[in-house]
Amino acid sequence: MVETKPGTNLLFLRDEDLRQGIELLFFAYRDFTAEGDTILSKQKFGRAHHRVIYFVGQYPGMSVSNLLDILSITKQSLSRVLRQLVDEGYIDQQPGTRDRRQRLLTLTAKGKELEQLLTSEQRARIAAAYKNAGADAVEGFRKVMLGIMEDSARHRFNEDKT
């Protein structure tokens, strides 16, 4: 049940508005990923490679199991992508300090360079949208995105990170 205040306009919950929200997400994602897709295709990489590079860059030293949790993909899917990134010198794997079976991942200099290239346009796009929308809209966007994602992912986003 949606919690509303008295006098709240619920017209945004009409089917046509919900469908428009779906379309907005599709078009925004298409444009958000377009430049990165072009860069990745030159390397013969895809969006899975981008996600791995992004999260390993964001959390250096993360374990393969943590990456699997974040990406919510199978070991087999990750293994293929990760092997390619390691073999081509974008990611370094080291055994864990306490558990030698654990594989800890970091970006190499080449990986950091690619991550920066892929992320710079996306950061600029997000920054421009945030600036144009204003603080209240940014907070609303954050709430909507948190509302869309599964409960298991929400814990990653501390309420103090606004």
Protein backbone atom coordinates (compact mmCIF):
# COMPACT_ATOMS: atom_id res chain seq x y z
CA MET A 1 0.00 0.00 0.00
CA VAL A 2 1.28 3.46 -0.89
CA GLU A 3 1.55 5.83 2.05
CA THR A 4 0.00 9.19 1.16
CA LYS A 5 -0.74 12.46 2.89
CA PRO A 6 -4.25 13.89 2.81
CA GLY A 7 -4.77 15.87 -0.39
CA THR A 8 -1.90 14.11 -2.21
CA ASN A 9 -2.41 13.87 -5.96
CA LEU A 10 -2.16 10.21 -6.97
CA LEU A 11 -2.44 10.88 -10.70
CA PHE A 12 1.20 9.82 -11.07
CA LEU A 13 0.06 6.29 -10.27
CA ARG A 14 -2.10 6.04 -13.40
CA ASP A 15 -1.08 3.29 -15.83
CA GLU A 16 0.00 5.79 -18.50
CA ASP A 17 2.28 7.55 -16.01
CA LEU A 18 3.74 4.27 -14.80
CA ARG A 19 4.39 3.24 -18.40
CA GLN A 20 6.03 6.58 -19.04
CA GLY A 21 8.28 5.92 -16.02
CA ILE A 22 9.29 2.60 -17.58
CA GLU A 23 10.06 4.33 -20.88
CA LEU A 24 12.03 7.04 -19.12
CA LEU A 25 14.20 4.36 -17.52
CA PHE A 26 14.73 2.60 -20.86
CA PHE A 27 15.72 5.78 -22.70
CA ALA A 28 17.85 7.11 -19.84
CA TYR A 29 19.71 3.79 -19.58
CA ARG A 30 20.23 3.68 -23.35
CA ASP A 31 21.76 7.15 -23.36
CA PHE A 32 23.64 6.61 -20.10
CA THR A 33 25.42 3.56 -21.54
CA ALA A 34 25.83 4.65 -25.19
CA GLU A 35 29.31 6.18 -25.04
CA GLY A 36 30.60 3.41 -22.81
CA ASP A 37 29.23 0.80 -25.20
CA THR A 38 31.17 2.42 -28.04
CA ILE A 39 34.40 2.43 -26.02
CA LEU A 40 33.85 -1.16 -24.89
CA SER A 41 33.11 -2.46 -28.37
CA LYS A 42 36.54 -1.28 -29.53
CA GLN A 43 38.03 -3.60 -26.88
CA LYS A 44 35.57 -6.38 -27.82
CA PHE A 45 34.01 -5.97 -24.37
CA GLY A 46 30.38 -5.59 -23.35
CA ARG A 47 28.35 -4.18 -20.47
CA ALA A 48 29.28 -7.11 -18.23
CA HIS A 49 32.91 -6.07 -18.55
CA HIS A 50 31.94 -2.50 -17.73
CA ARG A 51 30.13 -3.54 -14.57
CA VAL A 52 33.07 -5.65 -13.40
CA ILE A 53 35.55 -2.85 -14.11
CA TYR A 54 33.33 -0.30 -12.37
CA PHE A 55 32.81 -2.28 -9.16
CA VAL A 56 36.39 -3.54 -8.89
CA GLY A 57 37.48 0.09 -9.31
CA GLN A 58 34.96 1.26 -6.73
CA TYR A 59 35.94 -1.42 -4.19
CA PRO A 60 39.63 -2.31 -4.74
CA GLY A 61 40.63 -5.57 -3.10
CA MET A 62 37.11 -6.97 -3.23
CA SER A 63 36.70 -10.72 -3.38
CA VAL A 64 35.21 -12.59 -6.29
CA SER A 65 32.35 -13.70 -4.02
CA ASN A 66 31.55 -10.08 -3.12
CA LEU A 67 31.53 -9.20 -6.81
CA LEU A 68 29.18 -12.10 -7.50
CA ASP A 69 26.84 -10.78 -4.79
CA ILE A 70 26.84 -7.27 -6.25
CA LEU A 71 26.34 -8.34 -9.84
CA SER A 72 23.91 -11.14 -8.99
CA ILE A 73 25.20 -13.35 -11.80
CA THR A 74 26.44 -16.93 -11.98
CA LYS A 75 30.05 -17.91 -11.32
CA GLN A 76 30.22 -19.17 -14.89
CA SER A 77 29.16 -15.81 -16.35
CA LEU A 78 31.59 -13.88 -14.17
CA SER A 79 34.41 -16.33 -14.81
CA ARG A 80 34.37 -15.73 -18.57
CA VAL A 81 34.36 -11.94 -18.23
CA LEU A 82 36.86 -11.85 -15.39
CA ARG A 83 39.26 -14.22 -17.17
CA GLN A 84 39.27 -11.94 -20.22
CA LEU A 85 39.90 -8.82 -18.11
CA VAL A 86 42.73 -10.53 -16.21
CA ASP A 87 44.29 -11.99 -19.37
CA GLU A 88 44.23 -8.62 -21.11
CA GLY A 89 45.79 -6.82 -18.14
CA TYR A 90 42.85 -4.78 -16.80
CA ILE A 91 42.40 -6.61 -13.49
CA ASP A 92 44.87 -8.19 -11.10
CA GLN A 93 43.94 -11.15 -8.89
CA GLN A 94 45.76 -11.94 -5.66
CA PRO A 95 45.08 -14.66 -3.10
CA GLY A 96 43.47 -13.55 0.15
CA THR A 97 45.72 -12.86 3.11
CA ARG A 98 43.74 -15.04 5.53
CA ASP A 99 42.22 -17.49 3.07
CA ARG A 100 44.50 -18.32 0.13
CA ARG A 101 41.52 -19.74 -1.80
CA GLN A 102 39.95 -16.30 -1.85
CA ARG A 103 40.74 -14.17 -4.91
CA LEU A 104 41.01 -10.43 -4.32
CA LEU A 105 40.55 -8.14 -7.29
CA THR A 106 42.08 -4.76 -8.12
CA LEU A 107 42.32 -2.72 -11.28
CA THR A 108 45.71 -2.46 -12.92
CA ALA A 109 46.88 0.92 -14.25
CA LYS A 110 45.39 -0.08 -17.61
CA GLY A 111 42.13 -1.01 -15.86
CA LYS A 112 42.02 2.30 -13.96
CA GLU A 113 42.51 4.18 -17.21
CA LEU A 114 39.61 2.33 -18.86
CA GLU A 115 37.40 2.79 -15.80
CA GLN A 116 38.06 6.54 -15.82
CA LEU A 117 37.30 6.75 -19.53
CA LEU A 118 34.05 4.82 -19.13
CA THR A 119 32.92 6.67 -16.02
CA SER A 120 33.84 10.25 -16.93
CA GLU A 121 30.98 10.77 -19.40
CA GLN A 122 28.51 9.09 -17.09
CA ARG A 123 29.63 11.26 -14.16
CA ALA A 124 29.23 14.38 -16.31
CA ARG A 125 25.77 13.27 -17.44
CA ILE A 126 24.64 12.58 -13.86
CA ALA A 127 26.18 15.84 -12.57
CA ALA A 128 24.40 17.90 -15.24
CA ALA A 129 21.08 16.18 -14.56
CA TYR A 130 21.45 16.66 -10.79
CA LYS A 131 22.40 20.31 -11.20
CA ASN A 132 19.47 20.93 -13.53
CA ALA A 133 16.96 19.12 -11.31
CA GLY A 134 17.97 20.55 -7.93
CA ALA A 135 18.47 19.00 -4.51
CA ASP A 136 14.84 18.04 -3.85
CA ALA A 137 14.55 16.24 -7.18
CA VAL A 138 17.86 14.45 -6.59
CA GLU A 139 16.61 13.19 -3.26
CA GLY A 140 13.34 12.13 -4.92
CA PHE A 141 15.29 10.32 -7.63
CA ARG A 142 17.33 8.53 -4.97
CA LYS A 143 14.15 7.42 -3.21
CA VAL A 144 12.63 6.17 -6.47
CA MET A 145 15.77 4.22 -7.38
CA LEU A 146 15.92 2.68 -3.89
CA GLY A 147 12.25 1.80 -4.23
CA ILE A 148 12.85 0.01 -7.53
CA MET A 149 15.78 -2.14 -6.38
CA GLU A 150 15.46 -5.36 -4.43
CA ASP A 151 15.68 -5.24 -0.63
CA SER A 152 18.95 -7.20 -0.73
CA ALA A 153 20.68 -4.31 -2.56
CA ARG A 154 19.32 -1.41 -0.48
CA HIS A 155 21.70 -2.05 2.43
CA ARG A 156 24.56 -0.72 0.27
CA PHE A 157 23.08 2.76 0.37
CA ASN A 158 23.37 4.35 3.77
CA GLU A 159 20.69 6.98 4.39
CA ASP A 160 23.44 9.47 5.30
CA LYS A 161 24.85 9.40 1.73
CA THR A 162 22.59 12.09 0.28
